[in-house]
N, C-alpha and C. Protein backbone atom coordinates (compact mmCIF):
# COMPACT_ATOMS: atom_id res chain seq x y z
N UNK A 1 181.50 85.37 81.67
CA UNK A 1 181.13 86.73 82.00
C UNK A 1 180.86 86.81 83.49
N UNK A 2 181.28 87.90 84.10
CA UNK A 2 181.05 88.14 85.51
C UNK A 2 180.02 89.24 85.67
N UNK A 3 179.06 89.01 86.53
CA UNK A 3 178.03 89.99 86.83
C UNK A 3 178.14 90.31 88.32
N UNK A 4 178.17 91.59 88.65
CA UNK A 4 178.22 91.99 90.05
C UNK A 4 176.81 91.96 90.62
N UNK A 5 176.63 91.17 91.65
CA UNK A 5 175.34 91.05 92.32
C UNK A 5 175.51 91.58 93.74
N UNK A 6 174.80 92.66 94.06
CA UNK A 6 174.93 93.21 95.40
C UNK A 6 173.60 93.38 96.13
N UNK A 7 172.52 92.94 95.50
CA UNK A 7 171.21 92.98 96.14
C UNK A 7 170.39 91.78 95.66
N UNK A 8 169.38 91.38 96.43
CA UNK A 8 168.50 90.31 95.95
C UNK A 8 167.81 90.68 94.64
N UNK A 9 167.48 91.96 94.46
CA UNK A 9 166.83 92.38 93.21
C UNK A 9 167.78 92.20 92.02
N UNK A 10 169.05 92.52 92.21
CA UNK A 10 170.03 92.35 91.13
C UNK A 10 170.19 90.88 90.77
N UNK A 11 170.17 90.01 91.77
CA UNK A 11 170.24 88.57 91.53
C UNK A 11 169.02 88.10 90.74
N UNK A 12 167.86 88.59 91.11
CA UNK A 12 166.64 88.24 90.40
C UNK A 12 166.65 88.69 88.96
N UNK A 13 167.14 89.91 88.72
CA UNK A 13 167.22 90.42 87.35
C UNK A 13 168.19 89.60 86.52
N UNK A 14 169.32 89.23 87.11
CA UNK A 14 170.31 88.43 86.39
C UNK A 14 169.75 87.05 86.07
N UNK A 15 169.05 86.45 87.02
CA UNK A 15 168.47 85.12 86.79
C UNK A 15 167.41 85.18 85.69
N UNK A 16 166.58 86.21 85.72
CA UNK A 16 165.55 86.37 84.68
C UNK A 16 166.19 86.55 83.30
N UNK A 17 167.20 87.40 83.24
CA UNK A 17 167.88 87.64 81.96
C UNK A 17 168.51 86.36 81.42
N UNK A 18 169.14 85.58 82.31
CA UNK A 18 169.77 84.33 81.88
C UNK A 18 168.72 83.34 81.40
N UNK A 19 167.61 83.24 82.13
CA UNK A 19 166.53 82.32 81.74
C UNK A 19 166.00 82.69 80.36
N UNK A 20 165.75 83.97 80.16
CA UNK A 20 165.20 84.41 78.87
C UNK A 20 166.21 84.22 77.75
N UNK A 21 167.49 84.46 78.03
CA UNK A 21 168.53 84.26 77.01
C UNK A 21 168.60 82.80 76.58
N UNK A 22 168.28 81.89 77.50
CA UNK A 22 168.27 80.46 77.18
C UNK A 22 166.94 80.02 76.56
N UNK A 23 165.99 80.94 76.48
CA UNK A 23 164.70 80.62 75.89
C UNK A 23 163.82 79.74 76.76
N UNK A 24 164.00 79.83 78.08
CA UNK A 24 163.24 79.00 79.00
C UNK A 24 162.11 79.78 79.64
N UNK A 25 161.01 79.10 79.88
CA UNK A 25 159.94 79.67 80.69
C UNK A 25 160.26 79.41 82.15
N UNK A 26 159.55 80.07 83.04
CA UNK A 26 159.76 79.81 84.47
C UNK A 26 159.47 78.34 84.81
N UNK A 27 158.39 77.75 84.31
CA UNK A 27 158.17 76.32 84.60
C UNK A 27 159.26 75.41 84.04
N UNK A 28 159.79 75.73 82.87
CA UNK A 28 160.86 74.91 82.30
C UNK A 28 162.12 74.99 83.15
N UNK A 29 162.47 76.19 83.62
CA UNK A 29 163.64 76.34 84.48
C UNK A 29 163.43 75.62 85.80
N UNK A 30 162.25 75.74 86.35
CA UNK A 30 161.95 75.05 87.61
C UNK A 30 162.14 73.55 87.46
N UNK A 31 161.65 73.00 86.37
CA UNK A 31 161.80 71.57 86.11
C UNK A 31 163.27 71.18 85.95
N UNK A 32 164.02 71.98 85.20
CA UNK A 32 165.44 71.69 84.97
C UNK A 32 166.24 71.76 86.27
N UNK A 33 165.85 72.65 87.18
CA UNK A 33 166.58 72.83 88.43
C UNK A 33 166.05 71.95 89.56
N UNK A 34 164.91 71.32 89.34
CA UNK A 34 164.31 70.50 90.39
C UNK A 34 163.73 71.32 91.53
N UNK A 35 163.18 72.48 91.19
CA UNK A 35 162.56 73.34 92.19
C UNK A 35 161.14 73.66 91.75
N UNK A 36 160.39 74.28 92.62
CA UNK A 36 159.04 74.69 92.28
C UNK A 36 159.03 75.99 91.49
N UNK A 37 157.99 76.19 90.71
CA UNK A 37 157.85 77.42 89.94
C UNK A 37 157.81 78.62 90.89
N UNK A 38 157.21 78.46 92.04
CA UNK A 38 157.12 79.55 93.00
C UNK A 38 158.52 80.04 93.39
N UNK A 39 159.48 79.12 93.52
CA UNK A 39 160.84 79.54 93.86
C UNK A 39 161.42 80.42 92.77
N UNK A 40 161.20 80.05 91.52
CA UNK A 40 161.71 80.84 90.40
C UNK A 40 161.06 82.22 90.40
N UNK A 41 159.77 82.27 90.61
CA UNK A 41 159.04 83.55 90.66
C UNK A 41 159.61 84.43 91.77
N UNK A 42 159.82 83.85 92.95
CA UNK A 42 160.33 84.62 94.08
C UNK A 42 161.78 85.06 93.85
N UNK A 43 162.59 84.20 93.25
CA UNK A 43 163.96 84.57 92.92
C UNK A 43 163.99 85.76 91.98
N UNK A 44 163.22 85.68 90.90
CA UNK A 44 163.20 86.75 89.92
C UNK A 44 162.60 88.04 90.47
N UNK A 45 161.77 87.92 91.50
CA UNK A 45 161.18 89.10 92.14
C UNK A 45 162.12 89.73 93.16
N UNK A 46 163.26 89.07 93.44
CA UNK A 46 164.22 89.63 94.38
C UNK A 46 163.94 89.33 95.83
N UNK A 47 163.23 88.25 96.10
CA UNK A 47 162.94 87.90 97.49
C UNK A 47 164.26 87.69 98.24
N UNK A 48 164.43 88.36 99.39
CA UNK A 48 165.73 88.32 100.08
C UNK A 48 165.96 87.10 100.97
N UNK A 49 164.99 86.23 101.11
CA UNK A 49 165.13 85.13 102.06
C UNK A 49 165.07 83.75 101.40
N UNK A 50 165.66 83.62 100.23
CA UNK A 50 165.65 82.33 99.55
C UNK A 50 166.72 81.41 100.11
N UNK A 51 166.47 80.13 100.03
CA UNK A 51 167.42 79.13 100.53
C UNK A 51 168.61 79.00 99.57
N UNK A 52 169.80 79.11 100.12
CA UNK A 52 171.02 79.11 99.32
C UNK A 52 171.18 77.82 98.51
N UNK A 53 170.94 76.69 99.12
CA UNK A 53 171.09 75.41 98.42
C UNK A 53 170.21 75.36 97.17
N UNK A 54 169.00 75.83 97.29
CA UNK A 54 168.07 75.83 96.16
C UNK A 54 168.50 76.85 95.12
N UNK A 55 168.95 77.99 95.57
CA UNK A 55 169.47 79.01 94.64
C UNK A 55 170.62 78.47 93.82
N UNK A 56 171.52 77.74 94.45
CA UNK A 56 172.66 77.17 93.73
C UNK A 56 172.21 76.17 92.67
N UNK A 57 171.15 75.41 92.94
CA UNK A 57 170.62 74.47 91.94
C UNK A 57 170.11 75.22 90.72
N UNK A 58 169.43 76.35 90.96
CA UNK A 58 168.92 77.14 89.84
C UNK A 58 170.07 77.75 89.05
N UNK A 59 171.06 78.30 89.75
CA UNK A 59 172.21 78.86 89.05
C UNK A 59 172.90 77.81 88.19
N UNK A 60 173.04 76.61 88.72
CA UNK A 60 173.66 75.53 87.96
C UNK A 60 172.84 75.19 86.72
N UNK A 61 171.52 75.15 86.87
CA UNK A 61 170.64 74.85 85.73
C UNK A 61 170.75 75.92 84.65
N UNK A 62 171.08 77.15 85.05
CA UNK A 62 171.25 78.25 84.10
C UNK A 62 172.66 78.27 83.51
N UNK A 63 173.53 77.37 83.99
CA UNK A 63 174.90 77.33 83.50
C UNK A 63 175.83 78.27 84.25
N UNK A 64 175.39 78.78 85.39
CA UNK A 64 176.19 79.72 86.16
C UNK A 64 176.70 79.11 87.45
N UNK A 65 177.38 79.92 88.21
CA UNK A 65 177.89 79.51 89.52
C UNK A 65 177.97 80.74 90.40
N UNK A 66 178.28 80.52 91.65
CA UNK A 66 178.39 81.61 92.62
C UNK A 66 179.85 81.78 93.00
N UNK A 67 180.35 82.99 92.94
CA UNK A 67 181.72 83.29 93.35
C UNK A 67 181.69 84.45 94.34
N UNK A 68 182.58 84.41 95.31
CA UNK A 68 182.68 85.48 96.29
C UNK A 68 184.06 86.10 96.18
N UNK A 69 184.11 87.40 96.00
CA UNK A 69 185.37 88.12 95.90
C UNK A 69 185.58 89.00 97.12
N UNK A 70 186.83 89.27 97.41
CA UNK A 70 187.15 90.20 98.48
C UNK A 70 187.35 89.58 99.84
N UNK A 71 187.14 88.28 99.96
CA UNK A 71 187.36 87.59 101.23
C UNK A 71 188.70 86.87 101.18
N UNK A 72 189.37 86.76 102.31
CA UNK A 72 190.64 86.04 102.29
C UNK A 72 190.41 84.55 102.03
N UNK A 73 191.39 83.92 101.38
CA UNK A 73 191.33 82.47 101.17
C UNK A 73 191.43 81.79 102.52
N UNK A 74 190.91 80.59 102.62
CA UNK A 74 190.91 79.88 103.90
C UNK A 74 192.33 79.58 104.40
N UNK A 75 193.32 79.54 103.50
CA UNK A 75 194.68 79.25 103.89
C UNK A 75 195.49 80.48 104.28
N UNK A 76 194.90 81.65 104.09
CA UNK A 76 195.63 82.88 104.40
C UNK A 76 195.43 83.28 105.84
N UNK A 77 196.44 83.91 106.42
CA UNK A 77 196.32 84.45 107.76
C UNK A 77 195.61 85.77 107.70
N UNK A 78 194.86 86.08 108.75
CA UNK A 78 194.15 87.36 108.79
C UNK A 78 194.81 88.32 109.73
């Protein structure tokens, strides 16, 4: 399934929904992703200044990934 994320708040809502669908608490997700509970709280609250590397670990723990659409491939001429 693809979810369009265009704001930090939308990312937080999607992360919360995925966590709840998996039946995980915030501390359980934090442990699975190797991050602090505070990071999960801030992510779900839509904090706009989260570290990308840590965000990717959480997305992976939720079974998701990050995709970017609309940009040219690195091999294409601009």
